[in-house]
Amino acid sequence: MRLNASHTIQNLETFTQYLVSVQVFNPEGPGPNATVLVMTDEGDAPPSVPPPPPSFPTPSF
């Protein structure tokens, strides 16, 4: 029997929703499904607000 088992799901897309379902089985049969909605938000995501433009000198006329 494995207690506190874990599994990593790799190669998920950033800012994407996934439904993850797990179900346990034992000698009595299957247990109920447990479903979780997961939203990825990590990784090399662009900033939510772009940085200000760089300053540079402009010639006066």
C-alpha atoms as a PDB file:
ATOM      1  CA  MET A   1       0.000   0.000   0.000  1.00  0.00           C
ATOM      2  CA  ARG A   2       1.355   3.428  -0.952  1.00  0.00           C
ATOM      3  CA  LEU A   3       0.422   6.310   1.295  1.00  0.00           C
ATOM      4  CA  ASN A   4       1.090   9.942   0.430  1.00  0.00           C
ATOM      5  CA  ALA A   5       1.862   9.045  -3.178  1.00  0.00           C
ATOM      6  CA  SER A   6       2.315  11.892  -5.634  1.00  0.00           C
ATOM      7  CA  HIS A   7       2.543  12.324  -9.372  1.00  0.00           C
ATOM      8  CA  THR A   8       3.783  15.277 -11.411  1.00  0.00           C
ATOM      9  CA  ILE A   9       2.051  16.107 -14.684  1.00  0.00           C
ATOM     10  CA  GLN A  10       4.592  17.687 -16.995  1.00  0.00           C
ATOM     11  CA  ASN A  11       4.481  19.806 -20.167  1.00  0.00           C
ATOM     12  CA  LEU A  12       1.316  21.720 -19.274  1.00  0.00           C
ATOM     13  CA  GLU A  13       0.564  24.935 -21.132  1.00  0.00           C
ATOM     14  CA  THR A  14       0.780  28.189 -19.159  1.00  0.00           C
ATOM     15  CA  PHE A  15      -2.557  29.912 -18.394  1.00  0.00           C
ATOM     16  CA  THR A  16      -4.571  26.817 -19.352  1.00  0.00           C
ATOM     17  CA  GLN A  17      -7.319  25.066 -17.382  1.00  0.00           C
ATOM     18  CA  TYR A  18      -7.124  21.317 -16.814  1.00  0.00           C
ATOM     19  CA  LEU A  19      -9.530  18.913 -15.118  1.00  0.00           C
ATOM     20  CA  VAL A  20      -7.662  16.286 -13.111  1.00  0.00           C
ATOM     21  CA  SER A  21      -9.515  13.201 -11.828  1.00  0.00           C
ATOM     22  CA  VAL A  22      -8.208  10.513  -9.506  1.00  0.00           C
ATOM     23  CA  GLN A  23      -9.858   7.376  -8.206  1.00  0.00           C
ATOM     24  CA  VAL A  24      -8.619   4.957  -5.569  1.00  0.00           C
ATOM     25  CA  PHE A  25      -8.981   1.194  -5.759  1.00  0.00           C
ATOM     26  CA  ASN A  26      -8.760  -1.261  -2.873  1.00  0.00           C
ATOM     27  CA  PRO A  27      -9.929  -4.843  -2.204  1.00  0.00           C
ATOM     28  CA  GLU A  28     -13.473  -3.519  -1.646  1.00  0.00           C
ATOM     29  CA  GLY A  29     -13.569  -1.998  -5.135  1.00  0.00           C
ATOM     30  CA  PRO A  30     -13.199   1.474  -6.626  1.00  0.00           C
ATOM     31  CA  GLY A  31     -13.768   4.617  -4.609  1.00  0.00           C
ATOM     32  CA  PRO A  32     -15.497   7.774  -5.826  1.00  0.00           C
ATOM     33  CA  ASN A  33     -13.791  10.031  -8.341  1.00  0.00           C
ATOM     34  CA  ALA A  34     -12.162  13.182  -7.028  1.00  0.00           C
ATOM     35  CA  THR A  35     -11.975  15.891  -9.698  1.00  0.00           C
ATOM     36  CA  VAL A  36     -10.111  19.170  -9.368  1.00  0.00           C
ATOM     37  CA  LEU A  37      -9.972  22.124 -11.757  1.00  0.00           C
ATOM     38  CA  VAL A  38      -6.373  23.318 -12.104  1.00  0.00           C
ATOM     39  CA  MET A  39      -5.280  26.579 -13.750  1.00  0.00           C
ATOM     40  CA  THR A  40      -1.605  26.876 -14.621  1.00  0.00           C
ATOM     41  CA  ASP A  41      -0.044  30.269 -13.962  1.00  0.00           C
ATOM     42  CA  GLU A  42       3.681  29.693 -13.731  1.00  0.00           C
ATOM     43  CA  GLY A  43       6.496  29.691 -16.192  1.00  0.00           C
ATOM     44  CA  ASP A  44       7.861  32.168 -18.655  1.00  0.00           C
ATOM     45  CA  ALA A  45       4.618  34.087 -18.885  1.00  0.00           C
ATOM     46  CA  PRO A  46       4.665  37.657 -20.172  1.00  0.00           C
ATOM     47  CA  PRO A  47       4.118  40.365 -17.553  1.00  0.00           C
ATOM     48  CA  SER A  48       0.526  41.469 -17.182  1.00  0.00           C
ATOM     49  CA  VAL A  49       1.415  45.110 -17.897  1.00  0.00           C
ATOM     50  CA  PRO A  50       4.131  46.005 -20.401  1.00  0.00           C
ATOM     51  CA  PRO A  51       7.063  47.978 -19.031  1.00  0.00           C
ATOM     52  CA  PRO A  52       7.237  51.710 -19.816  1.00  0.00           C
ATOM     53  CA  PRO A  53       9.038  52.651 -23.026  1.00  0.00           C
ATOM     54  CA  PRO A  54      12.715  53.504 -22.684  1.00  0.00           C
ATOM     55  CA  SER A  55      13.626  57.188 -22.558  1.00  0.00           C
ATOM     56  CA  PHE A  56      15.762  58.552 -25.296  1.00  0.00           C
ATOM     57  CA  PRO A  57      16.777  62.090 -26.245  1.00  0.00           C
ATOM     58  CA  THR A  58      14.812  63.766 -29.008  1.00  0.00           C
ATOM     59  CA  PRO A  59      16.178  66.601 -31.100  1.00  0.00           C
ATOM     60  CA  SER A  60      14.454  69.947 -30.793  1.00  0.00           C
ATOM     61  CA  PHE A  61      13.597  71.847 -33.959  1.00  0.00           C
END
